[in-house]
């Protein structure tokens, strides 16, 4: 609705109740701006300088109201002043209700936190910000790329991936040492592994996730020695050489010496070896294994 009242006419403009009602309806249209702006917004003014706020225009519950400003307080309220006028019949009646927003306290339903008021940008500034923001196509592209990143990084979570940290520097924030792998080398899980005593020295438990297997060193037992024999040449008193054949009997080695004739003898060879465990570690580099420790 657009109203154009032609006050500038000769003959006296009749200021009737009907005309005043039209004026009030015309003014009420401006309150639509309050609905557009939203509850607890600053349309103009209300500039903070030190501990004071300048006067301005604010919106509360869709009403556009004058804010008188003053020293900053934590809350504001709507002050309603009722202006009384004497009518033609000589009775005094309330003609005007003037609402003003002020700092101070009131009843809970008529009081709002000053910190909750938000200043609106001008339409020009809003348009400039919109032009600088991502378009719908940009957002779709970002969403698609984010889904790919989430897919690729899915194992990087608490109790998920374990990574090598080969540096002698502090572990990064939100990561921690994976103590389960201290002094151990990972080996691949094999769900198809079946222990076979004829080909496996022991049950490696490759089909049991998290199993601890292997040793840093190992001391061979007799059953683990390869089958072998020994031969030797022994000089007799006459300077001749006779071949001998060795036979292992427990910890000692027995030898039978075969002479050139009917004569011969047997003897035992002194055991050799340090009886120490042998190294079982392949060429390795000592590192830390770390895992996520996200909040």
C-alpha atoms as a PDB file:
ATOM      1  CA  UNK A   1       0.000   0.000   0.000  1.00  0.00           C
ATOM      2  CA  UNK A   2       1.289   3.444  -0.976  1.00  0.00           C
ATOM      3  CA  UNK A   3      -0.331   6.488   0.648  1.00  0.00           C
ATOM      4  CA  UNK A   4       0.165  10.081  -0.504  1.00  0.00           C
ATOM      5  CA  UNK A   5      -1.694  12.588   1.711  1.00  0.00           C
ATOM      6  CA  UNK A   6      -1.933  16.060   0.139  1.00  0.00           C
ATOM      7  CA  UNK A   7      -1.731  18.345   3.156  1.00  0.00           C
ATOM      8  CA  UNK A   8      -0.655  21.442   1.203  1.00  0.00           C
ATOM      9  CA  UNK A   9      -4.088  22.589   0.054  1.00  0.00           C
ATOM     10  CA  UNK A  10      -6.170  25.680   0.691  1.00  0.00           C
ATOM     11  CA  UNK A  11      -9.458  25.664   2.516  1.00  0.00           C
ATOM     12  CA  UNK A  12      -8.213  23.815   5.606  1.00  0.00           C
ATOM     13  CA  UNK A  13      -7.318  20.138   5.694  1.00  0.00           C
ATOM     14  CA  UNK A  14      -9.721  18.191   7.950  1.00  0.00           C
ATOM     15  CA  UNK A  15      -7.626  16.330  10.578  1.00  0.00           C
ATOM     16  CA  UNK A  16     -10.257  13.751  11.346  1.00  0.00           C
ATOM     17  CA  UNK A  17      -9.990  10.449  13.174  1.00  0.00           C
ATOM     18  CA  UNK A  18     -10.162   8.649   9.867  1.00  0.00           C
ATOM     19  CA  UNK A  19      -7.156  10.583   8.575  1.00  0.00           C
ATOM     20  CA  UNK A  20      -5.173   9.849  11.728  1.00  0.00           C
ATOM     21  CA  UNK A  21      -6.018   6.159  11.380  1.00  0.00           C
ATOM     22  CA  UNK A  22      -4.700   6.199   7.805  1.00  0.00           C
ATOM     23  CA  UNK A  23      -1.481   7.816   9.021  1.00  0.00           C
ATOM     24  CA  UNK A  24      -1.062   5.159  11.701  1.00  0.00           C
ATOM     25  CA  UNK A  25      -1.624   2.361   9.180  1.00  0.00           C
ATOM     26  CA  UNK A  26       0.968   3.926   6.882  1.00  0.00           C
ATOM     27  CA  UNK A  27       3.505   4.072   9.696  1.00  0.00           C
ATOM     28  CA  UNK A  28       2.863   0.468  10.748  1.00  0.00           C
ATOM     29  CA  UNK A  29       4.147  -0.706   7.375  1.00  0.00           C
ATOM     30  CA  UNK A  30       7.669   0.257   8.461  1.00  0.00           C
ATOM     31  CA  UNK A  31       7.538  -2.365  11.201  1.00  0.00           C
ATOM     32  CA  UNK A  32       7.880  -4.968   8.448  1.00  0.00           C
ATOM     33  CA  UNK A  33      11.547  -3.947   8.386  1.00  0.00           C
ATOM     34  CA  UNK A  34      11.727  -5.110  11.978  1.00  0.00           C
ATOM     35  CA  UNK A  35      10.521  -8.558  10.961  1.00  0.00           C
ATOM     36  CA  UNK A  36      13.094  -8.640   8.168  1.00  0.00           C
ATOM     37  CA  UNK A  37      15.908  -7.575  10.483  1.00  0.00           C
ATOM     38  CA  UNK A  38      14.931  -9.997  13.227  1.00  0.00           C
ATOM     39  CA  UNK A  39      14.638  -9.927  16.982  1.00  0.00           C
ATOM     40  CA  UNK A  40      17.365  -8.060  18.939  1.00  0.00           C
ATOM     41  CA  UNK A  41      19.076  -6.336  16.029  1.00  0.00           C
ATOM     42  CA  UNK A  42      20.630  -2.886  15.677  1.00  0.00           C
ATOM     43  CA  UNK A  43      19.471  -0.976  12.610  1.00  0.00           C
ATOM     44  CA  UNK A  44      21.472   2.213  13.173  1.00  0.00           C
ATOM     45  CA  UNK A  45      23.471   4.094  15.783  1.00  0.00           C
ATOM     46  CA  UNK A  46      24.273   2.386  19.098  1.00  0.00           C
ATOM     47  CA  UNK A  47      27.984   3.058  18.664  1.00  0.00           C
ATOM     48  CA  UNK A  48      30.098   2.017  21.629  1.00  0.00           C
ATOM     49  CA  UNK A  49      32.652   4.545  22.834  1.00  0.00           C
ATOM     50  CA  UNK A  50      34.447   3.546  25.991  1.00  0.00           C
ATOM     51  CA  UNK A  51      31.745   2.675  28.519  1.00  0.00           C
ATOM     52  CA  UNK A  52      28.939   4.494  26.694  1.00  0.00           C
ATOM     53  CA  UNK A  53      26.586   3.698  23.839  1.00  0.00           C
ATOM     54  CA  UNK A  54      25.195   6.339  21.498  1.00  0.00           C
ATOM     55  CA  UNK A  55      21.435   6.552  20.716  1.00  0.00           C
ATOM     56  CA  UNK A  56      20.142   4.451  17.853  1.00  0.00           C
ATOM     57  CA  UNK A  57      17.356   2.333  16.408  1.00  0.00           C
ATOM     58  CA  UNK A  58      16.852  -1.299  17.457  1.00  0.00           C
ATOM     59  CA  UNK A  59      14.362  -4.099  16.838  1.00  0.00           C
ATOM     60  CA  UNK A  60      12.710  -6.025  19.671  1.00  0.00           C
ATOM     61  CA  UNK A  61      10.036  -8.614  18.893  1.00  0.00           C
ATOM     62  CA  UNK A  62       9.513  -7.106  15.442  1.00  0.00           C
ATOM     63  CA  UNK A  63       8.974  -3.520  16.700  1.00  0.00           C
ATOM     64  CA  UNK A  64      11.317  -0.779  15.505  1.00  0.00           C
ATOM     65  CA  UNK A  65      12.168   1.260  18.607  1.00  0.00           C
ATOM     66  CA  UNK A  66      14.294   4.226  19.581  1.00  0.00           C
ATOM     67  CA  UNK A  67      17.197   3.395  21.892  1.00  0.00           C
ATOM     68  CA  UNK A  68      18.289   6.302  24.038  1.00  0.00           C
ATOM     69  CA  UNK A  69      21.813   5.000  24.774  1.00  0.00           C
ATOM     70  CA  UNK A  70      23.848   5.877  27.856  1.00  0.00           C
ATOM     71  CA  UNK A  71      26.300   4.059  30.136  1.00  0.00           C
ATOM     72  CA  UNK A  72      26.609   0.393  29.225  1.00  0.00           C
ATOM     73  CA  UNK A  73      24.644  -1.999  31.388  1.00  0.00           C
ATOM     74  CA  UNK A  74      24.113  -5.742  31.076  1.00  0.00           C
ATOM     75  CA  UNK A  75      20.422  -5.447  30.177  1.00  0.00           C
ATOM     76  CA  UNK A  76      17.877  -3.191  28.481  1.00  0.00           C
ATOM     77  CA  UNK A  77      14.123  -2.837  28.764  1.00  0.00           C
ATOM     78  CA  UNK A  78      11.248  -1.090  26.973  1.00  0.00           C
ATOM     79  CA  UNK A  79      10.041   2.002  28.806  1.00  0.00           C
ATOM     80  CA  UNK A  80       6.457   2.932  27.912  1.00  0.00           C
ATOM     81  CA  UNK A  81       5.400   6.553  28.478  1.00  0.00           C
ATOM     82  CA  UNK A  82       1.662   7.264  28.307  1.00  0.00           C
ATOM     83  CA  UNK A  83       0.938  10.816  27.152  1.00  0.00           C
ATOM     84  CA  UNK A  84      -2.446  12.214  28.218  1.00  0.00           C
ATOM     85  CA  UNK A  85      -4.293  14.953  26.307  1.00  0.00           C
ATOM     86  CA  UNK A  86      -7.537  16.843  26.966  1.00  0.00           C
ATOM     87  CA  UNK A  87     -10.181  16.029  24.412  1.00  0.00           C
ATOM     88  CA  UNK A  88     -12.879  18.419  23.103  1.00  0.00           C
ATOM     89  CA  UNK A  89     -15.321  17.127  25.690  1.00  0.00           C
ATOM     90  CA  UNK A  90     -12.839  18.316  28.345  1.00  0.00           C
ATOM     91  CA  UNK A  91     -11.929  14.777  29.469  1.00  0.00           C
ATOM     92  CA  UNK A  92      -8.314  13.687  29.824  1.00  0.00           C
ATOM     93  CA  UNK A  93      -7.434  10.527  27.955  1.00  0.00           C
ATOM     94  CA  UNK A  94      -4.270   8.689  26.961  1.00  0.00           C
ATOM     95  CA  UNK A  95      -3.564   9.773  23.417  1.00  0.00           C
ATOM     96  CA  UNK A  96      -0.023   8.568  22.792  1.00  0.00           C
ATOM     97  CA  UNK A  97       1.983   5.569  24.028  1.00  0.00           C
ATOM     98  CA  UNK A  98       5.674   6.239  23.452  1.00  0.00           C
ATOM     99  CA  UNK A  99       8.017   3.245  23.728  1.00  0.00           C
ATOM    100  CA  UNK A 100      11.738   3.777  24.252  1.00  0.00           C
ATOM    101  CA  UNK A 101      14.498   1.263  24.894  1.00  0.00           C
ATOM    102  CA  UNK A 102      16.723   2.042  27.879  1.00  0.00           C
ATOM    103  CA  UNK A 103      19.490   0.443  29.901  1.00  0.00           C
ATOM    104  CA  UNK A 104      18.251  -0.974  33.180  1.00  0.00           C
ATOM    105  CA  UNK A 105      16.173  -3.660  34.866  1.00  0.00           C
ATOM    106  CA  UNK A 106      12.532  -4.631  34.505  1.00  0.00           C
ATOM    107  CA  UNK A 107      10.323  -7.710  34.667  1.00  0.00           C
ATOM    108  CA  UNK A 108      11.750 -10.849  33.001  1.00  0.00           C
ATOM    109  CA  UNK A 109       9.344 -10.618  30.058  1.00  0.00           C
ATOM    110  CA  UNK A 110      10.375  -6.994  29.423  1.00  0.00           C
ATOM    111  CA  UNK A 111      14.152  -7.323  29.721  1.00  0.00           C
ATOM    112  CA  UNK A 112      16.881  -8.462  27.300  1.00  0.00           C
ATOM    113  CA  UNK A 113      20.652  -8.885  27.446  1.00  0.00           C
ATOM    114  CA  UNK A 114      22.492  -6.070  25.708  1.00  0.00           C
ATOM    115  CA  UNK A 115      25.173  -8.534  24.563  1.00  0.00           C
ATOM    116  CA  UNK A 116      22.531 -10.400  22.521  1.00  0.00           C
ATOM    117  CA  UNK A 117      21.936  -7.464  20.159  1.00  0.00           C
ATOM    118  CA  UNK A 118      23.558  -7.839  16.739  1.00  0.00           C
ATOM    119  CA  UNK A 119      24.369  -5.078  14.291  1.00  0.00           C
ATOM    120  CA  UNK A 120      23.170  -5.618  10.732  1.00  0.00           C
ATOM    121  CA  UNK A 121      25.400  -4.956   7.755  1.00  0.00           C
ATOM    122  CA  UNK A 122      24.072  -2.774   4.983  1.00  0.00           C
ATOM    123  CA  UNK A 123      22.661  -4.534   1.944  1.00  0.00           C
ATOM    124  CA  UNK A 124      25.724  -3.420  -0.021  1.00  0.00           C
ATOM    125  CA  UNK A 125      28.092  -4.991   2.485  1.00  0.00           C
ATOM    126  CA  UNK A 126      25.973  -8.150   2.587  1.00  0.00           C
ATOM    127  CA  UNK A 127      26.127  -8.413  -1.214  1.00  0.00           C
ATOM    128  CA  UNK A 128      29.903  -7.909  -1.200  1.00  0.00           C
ATOM    129  CA  UNK A 129      30.294 -10.654   1.379  1.00  0.00           C
ATOM    130  CA  UNK A 130      28.052 -12.982  -0.609  1.00  0.00           C
ATOM    131  CA  UNK A 131      30.092 -12.393  -3.748  1.00  0.00           C
ATOM    132  CA  UNK A 132      33.250 -13.297  -1.823  1.00  0.00           C
ATOM    133  CA  UNK A 133      31.789 -16.525  -0.449  1.00  0.00           C
ATOM    134  CA  UNK A 134      31.720 -19.940  -2.074  1.00  0.00           C
ATOM    135  CA  UNK A 135      29.042 -20.709  -4.621  1.00  0.00           C
ATOM    136  CA  UNK A 136      26.819 -23.762  -4.499  1.00  0.00           C
ATOM    137  CA  UNK A 137      29.074 -25.427  -7.068  1.00  0.00           C
ATOM    138  CA  UNK A 138      32.095 -24.637  -4.896  1.00  0.00           C
ATOM    139  CA  UNK A 139      30.393 -26.230  -1.894  1.00  0.00           C
ATOM    140  CA  UNK A 140      29.505 -29.342  -3.887  1.00  0.00           C
ATOM    141  CA  UNK A 141      33.117 -29.637  -5.052  1.00  0.00           C
ATOM    142  CA  UNK A 142      34.418 -29.179  -1.499  1.00  0.00           C
ATOM    143  CA  UNK A 143      31.933 -31.775  -0.229  1.00  0.00           C
ATOM    144  CA  UNK A 144      33.041 -34.295  -2.850  1.00  0.00           C
ATOM    145  CA  UNK A 145      36.713 -33.698  -2.087  1.00  0.00           C
ATOM    146  CA  UNK A 146      36.065 -33.957   1.652  1.00  0.00           C
ATOM    147  CA  UNK A 147      34.374 -37.313   1.173  1.00  0.00           C
ATOM    148  CA  UNK A 148      37.485 -38.553  -0.651  1.00  0.00           C
ATOM    149  CA  UNK A 149      39.722 -37.273   2.161  1.00  0.00           C
ATOM    150  CA  UNK A 150      37.527 -38.962   4.777  1.00  0.00           C
ATOM    151  CA  UNK A 151      37.680 -42.206   2.824  1.00  0.00           C
ATOM    152  CA  UNK A 152      41.481 -42.096   2.539  1.00  0.00           C
ATOM    153  CA  UNK A 153      42.048 -41.131   6.169  1.00  0.00           C
ATOM    154  CA  UNK A 154      39.412 -43.423   7.699  1.00  0.00           C
ATOM    155  CA  UNK A 155      42.041 -45.665   9.393  1.00  0.00           C
ATOM    156  CA  UNK A 156      43.626 -42.634  11.098  1.00  0.00           C
ATOM    157  CA  UNK A 157      41.591 -42.763  14.281  1.00  0.00           C
ATOM    158  CA  UNK A 158      42.042 -43.861  17.871  1.00  0.00           C
ATOM    159  CA  UNK A 159      42.777 -47.609  18.063  1.00  0.00           C
ATOM    160  CA  UNK A 160      43.243 -47.557  14.301  1.00  0.00           C
ATOM    161  CA  UNK A 161      46.381 -47.017  12.238  1.00  0.00           C
ATOM    162  CA  UNK A 162      49.917 -47.384  13.625  1.00  0.00           C
ATOM    163  CA  UNK A 163      52.660 -45.345  11.966  1.00  0.00           C
ATOM    164  CA  UNK A 164      56.457 -45.262  12.077  1.00  0.00           C
ATOM    165  CA  UNK A 165      58.081 -42.269  13.826  1.00  0.00           C
ATOM    166  CA  UNK A 166      61.826 -42.530  13.046  1.00  0.00           C
ATOM    167  CA  UNK A 167      62.804 -39.139  14.481  1.00  0.00           C
ATOM    168  CA  UNK A 168      64.519 -38.442  17.781  1.00  0.00           C
ATOM    169  CA  UNK A 169      62.154 -35.543  18.439  1.00  0.00           C
ATOM    170  CA  UNK A 170      58.936 -35.283  20.478  1.00  0.00           C
ATOM    171  CA  UNK A 171      55.881 -37.096  19.154  1.00  0.00           C
ATOM    172  CA  UNK A 172      53.395 -34.620  17.565  1.00  0.00           C
ATOM    173  CA  UNK A 173      50.370 -33.462  19.579  1.00  0.00           C
ATOM    174  CA  UNK A 174      47.380 -35.828  19.648  1.00  0.00           C
ATOM    175  CA  UNK A 175      49.619 -38.823  18.923  1.00  0.00           C
ATOM    176  CA  UNK A 176      51.223 -41.269  21.357  1.00  0.00           C
ATOM    177  CA  UNK A 177      53.607 -44.201  21.345  1.00  0.00           C
ATOM    178  CA  UNK A 178      52.068 -47.556  20.490  1.00  0.00           C
ATOM    179  CA  UNK A 179      53.588 -49.463  23.399  1.00  0.00           C
ATOM    180  CA  UNK A 180      52.247 -52.810  22.128  1.00  0.00           C
ATOM    181  CA  UNK A 181      54.971 -52.749  19.460  1.00  0.00           C
ATOM    182  CA  UNK A 182      57.914 -51.898  21.706  1.00  0.00           C
ATOM    183  CA  UNK A 183      60.846 -54.090  20.658  1.00  0.00           C
ATOM    184  CA  UNK A 184      58.759 -55.901  18.043  1.00  0.00           C
ATOM    185  CA  UNK A 185      58.554 -56.063  14.262  1.00  0.00           C
ATOM    186  CA  UNK A 186      55.089 -56.312  12.661  1.00  0.00           C
ATOM    187  CA  UNK A 187      54.310 -59.357  10.534  1.00  0.00           C
ATOM    188  CA  UNK A 188      51.423 -59.762   8.135  1.00  0.00           C
ATOM    189  CA  UNK A 189      48.206 -61.440   9.274  1.00  0.00           C
ATOM    190  CA  UNK A 190      47.421 -64.627   7.317  1.00  0.00           C
ATOM    191  CA  UNK A 191      43.878 -65.984   7.804  1.00  0.00           C
ATOM    192  CA  UNK A 192      44.823 -69.061   5.733  1.00  0.00           C
ATOM    193  CA  UNK A 193      47.785 -70.057   7.890  1.00  0.00           C
ATOM    194  CA  UNK A 194      47.664 -73.637   9.238  1.00  0.00           C
ATOM    195  CA  UNK A 195      50.370 -74.992  11.506  1.00  0.00           C
ATOM    196  CA  UNK A 196      52.169 -78.023  10.083  1.00  0.00           C
ATOM    197  CA  UNK A 197      54.719 -79.669  12.373  1.00  0.00           C
ATOM    198  CA  UNK A 198      56.582 -81.205   9.449  1.00  0.00           C
ATOM    199  CA  UNK A 199      57.444 -77.875   7.842  1.00  0.00           C
ATOM    200  CA  UNK A 200      57.131 -75.367  10.689  1.00  0.00           C
ATOM    201  CA  UNK A 201      59.585 -75.210  13.572  1.00  0.00           C
ATOM    202  CA  UNK A 202      56.754 -73.996  15.791  1.00  0.00           C
ATOM    203  CA  UNK A 203      53.233 -72.591  15.575  1.00  0.00           C
ATOM    204  CA  UNK A 204      53.698 -69.003  14.350  1.00  0.00           C
ATOM    205  CA  UNK A 205      50.036 -68.116  15.006  1.00  0.00           C
ATOM    206  CA  UNK A 206      49.849 -65.972  11.865  1.00  0.00           C
ATOM    207  CA  UNK A 207      46.077 -66.402  11.831  1.00  0.00           C
ATOM    208  CA  UNK A 208      45.686 -64.840  15.300  1.00  0.00           C
ATOM    209  CA  UNK A 209      45.554 -61.044  15.170  1.00  0.00           C
ATOM    210  CA  UNK A 210      47.698 -59.538  17.939  1.00  0.00           C
ATOM    211  CA  UNK A 211      49.665 -62.707  18.714  1.00  0.00           C
ATOM    212  CA  UNK A 212      53.210 -62.192  20.064  1.00  0.00           C
ATOM    213  CA  UNK A 213      55.677 -64.546  18.371  1.00  0.00           C
ATOM    214  CA  UNK A 214      59.429 -64.900  17.874  1.00  0.00           C
ATOM    215  CA  UNK A 215      62.551 -64.268  19.979  1.00  0.00           C
ATOM    216  CA  UNK A 216      65.519 -61.918  19.713  1.00  0.00           C
ATOM    217  CA  UNK A 217      67.913 -64.872  19.930  1.00  0.00           C
ATOM    218  CA  UNK A 218      67.742 -68.652  19.897  1.00  0.00           C
ATOM    219  CA  UNK A 219      69.878 -71.473  21.295  1.00  0.00           C
ATOM    220  CA  UNK A 220      69.914 -74.543  19.067  1.00  0.00           C
ATOM    221  CA  UNK A 221      69.080 -77.945  20.493  1.00  0.00           C
ATOM    222  CA  UNK A 222      70.380 -81.253  19.098  1.00  0.00           C
ATOM    223  CA  UNK A 223      67.138 -81.900  17.225  1.00  0.00           C
ATOM    224  CA  UNK A 224      67.621 -78.653  15.313  1.00  0.00           C
ATOM    225  CA  UNK A 225      71.135 -79.527  14.076  1.00  0.00           C
ATOM    226  CA  UNK A 226      71.424 -80.625  10.480  1.00  0.00           C
ATOM    227  CA  UNK A 227      72.358 -84.230   9.956  1.00  0.00           C
ATOM    228  CA  UNK A 228      76.130 -84.424   9.415  1.00  0.00           C
ATOM    229  CA  UNK A 229      79.210 -86.608   9.764  1.00  0.00           C
ATOM    230  CA  UNK A 230      82.984 -86.106  10.187  1.00  0.00           C
ATOM    231  CA  UNK A 231      86.059 -87.753   8.751  1.00  0.00           C
ATOM    232  CA  UNK A 232      89.661 -87.427   9.899  1.00  0.00           C
ATOM    233  CA  UNK A 233      93.146 -88.657   9.149  1.00  0.00           C
ATOM    234  CA  UNK A 234      95.260 -89.962  12.033  1.00  0.00           C
ATOM    235  CA  UNK A 235      98.973 -90.811  11.799  1.00  0.00           C
ATOM    236  CA  UNK A 236     100.035 -94.116  13.347  1.00  0.00           C
ATOM    237  CA  UNK A 237     103.439 -94.837  14.857  1.00  0.00           C
ATOM    238  CA  UNK A 238     104.824 -95.790  11.490  1.00  0.00           C
ATOM    239  CA  UNK A 239     103.848 -92.509   9.816  1.00  0.00           C
ATOM    240  CA  UNK A 240     100.957 -93.939   7.834  1.00  0.00           C
ATOM    241  CA  UNK A 241      97.580 -92.196   7.391  1.00  0.00           C
ATOM    242  CA  UNK A 242      94.333 -93.990   8.107  1.00  0.00           C
ATOM    243  CA  UNK A 243      90.880 -92.613   7.322  1.00  0.00           C
ATOM    244  CA  UNK A 244      88.399 -92.454  10.171  1.00  0.00           C
ATOM    245  CA  UNK A 245      84.630 -92.108  10.242  1.00  0.00           C
ATOM    246  CA  UNK A 246      82.889 -89.997  12.934  1.00  0.00           C
ATOM    247  CA  UNK A 247      79.739 -90.983  14.766  1.00  0.00           C
ATOM    248  CA  UNK A 248      77.827 -88.548  17.002  1.00  0.00           C
ATOM    249  CA  UNK A 249      76.646 -89.943  20.351  1.00  0.00           C
ATOM    250  CA  UNK A 250      74.953 -87.257  22.431  1.00  0.00           C
ATOM    251  CA  UNK A 251      77.415 -84.549  23.355  1.00  0.00           C
ATOM    252  CA  UNK A 252      80.551 -86.553  22.368  1.00  0.00           C
ATOM    253  CA  UNK A 253      81.848 -87.587  18.977  1.00  0.00           C
ATOM    254  CA  UNK A 254      83.122 -91.134  18.603  1.00  0.00           C
ATOM    255  CA  UNK A 255      85.541 -92.041  15.835  1.00  0.00           C
ATOM    256  CA  UNK A 256      86.514 -95.391  14.425  1.00  0.00           C
ATOM    257  CA  UNK A 257      89.925 -95.549  12.734  1.00  0.00           C
ATOM    258  CA  UNK A 258      90.244 -98.019   9.909  1.00  0.00           C
ATOM    259  CA  UNK A 259      93.813 -99.218   9.346  1.00  0.00           C
ATOM    260  CA  UNK A 260      95.406-100.637   6.283  1.00  0.00           C
ATOM    261  CA  UNK A 261      95.335-104.102   7.814  1.00  0.00           C
ATOM    262  CA  UNK A 262      93.452-105.851  10.530  1.00  0.00           C
ATOM    263  CA  UNK A 263      94.570-103.487  13.251  1.00  0.00           C
ATOM    264  CA  UNK A 264      92.480-100.426  14.266  1.00  0.00           C
ATOM    265  CA  UNK A 265      91.328 -98.411  17.274  1.00  0.00           C
ATOM    266  CA  UNK A 266      88.656 -95.902  18.301  1.00  0.00           C
ATOM    267  CA  UNK A 267      88.752 -92.580  20.202  1.00  0.00           C
ATOM    268  CA  UNK A 268      86.522 -89.592  21.135  1.00  0.00           C
ATOM    269  CA  UNK A 269      86.968 -86.008  19.944  1.00  0.00           C
ATOM    270  CA  UNK A 270      86.661 -83.208  22.526  1.00  0.00           C
ATOM    271  CA  UNK A 271      83.370 -81.194  22.123  1.00  0.00           C
ATOM    272  CA  UNK A 272      83.758 -77.719  20.617  1.00  0.00           C
ATOM    273  CA  UNK A 273      81.533 -74.602  20.530  1.00  0.00           C
ATOM    274  CA  UNK A 274      80.494 -71.863  22.959  1.00  0.00           C
ATOM    275  CA  UNK A 275      76.951 -73.134  23.505  1.00  0.00           C
ATOM    276  CA  UNK A 276      75.601 -69.554  23.150  1.00  0.00           C
ATOM    277  CA  UNK A 277      72.332 -68.382  21.546  1.00  0.00           C
ATOM    278  CA  UNK A 278      72.645 -67.035  18.021  1.00  0.00           C
ATOM    279  CA  UNK A 279      71.241 -63.718  16.724  1.00  0.00           C
ATOM    280  CA  UNK A 280      67.757 -63.918  15.286  1.00  0.00           C
ATOM    281  CA  UNK A 281      67.342 -60.249  14.209  1.00  0.00           C
ATOM    282  CA  UNK A 282      67.534 -59.186  10.584  1.00  0.00           C
ATOM    283  CA  UNK A 283      69.198 -55.814   9.764  1.00  0.00           C
ATOM    284  CA  UNK A 284      66.890 -53.320  11.477  1.00  0.00           C
ATOM    285  CA  UNK A 285      66.519 -49.669  12.486  1.00  0.00           C
ATOM    286  CA  UNK A 286      65.131 -48.760  15.895  1.00  0.00           C
ATOM    287  CA  UNK A 287      62.081 -46.477  15.570  1.00  0.00           C
ATOM    288  CA  UNK A 288      58.974 -45.508  17.488  1.00  0.00           C
ATOM    289  CA  UNK A 289      55.583 -46.802  16.473  1.00  0.00           C
ATOM    290  CA  UNK A 290      52.937 -44.151  17.121  1.00  0.00           C
ATOM    291  CA  UNK A 291      49.147 -44.150  17.017  1.00  0.00           C
ATOM    292  CA  UNK A 292      46.430 -41.451  17.133  1.00  0.00           C
ATOM    293  CA  UNK A 293      45.402 -40.057  20.493  1.00  0.00           C
ATOM    294  CA  UNK A 294      42.676 -37.698  19.326  1.00  0.00           C
ATOM    295  CA  UNK A 295      40.335 -36.002  21.835  1.00  0.00           C
END
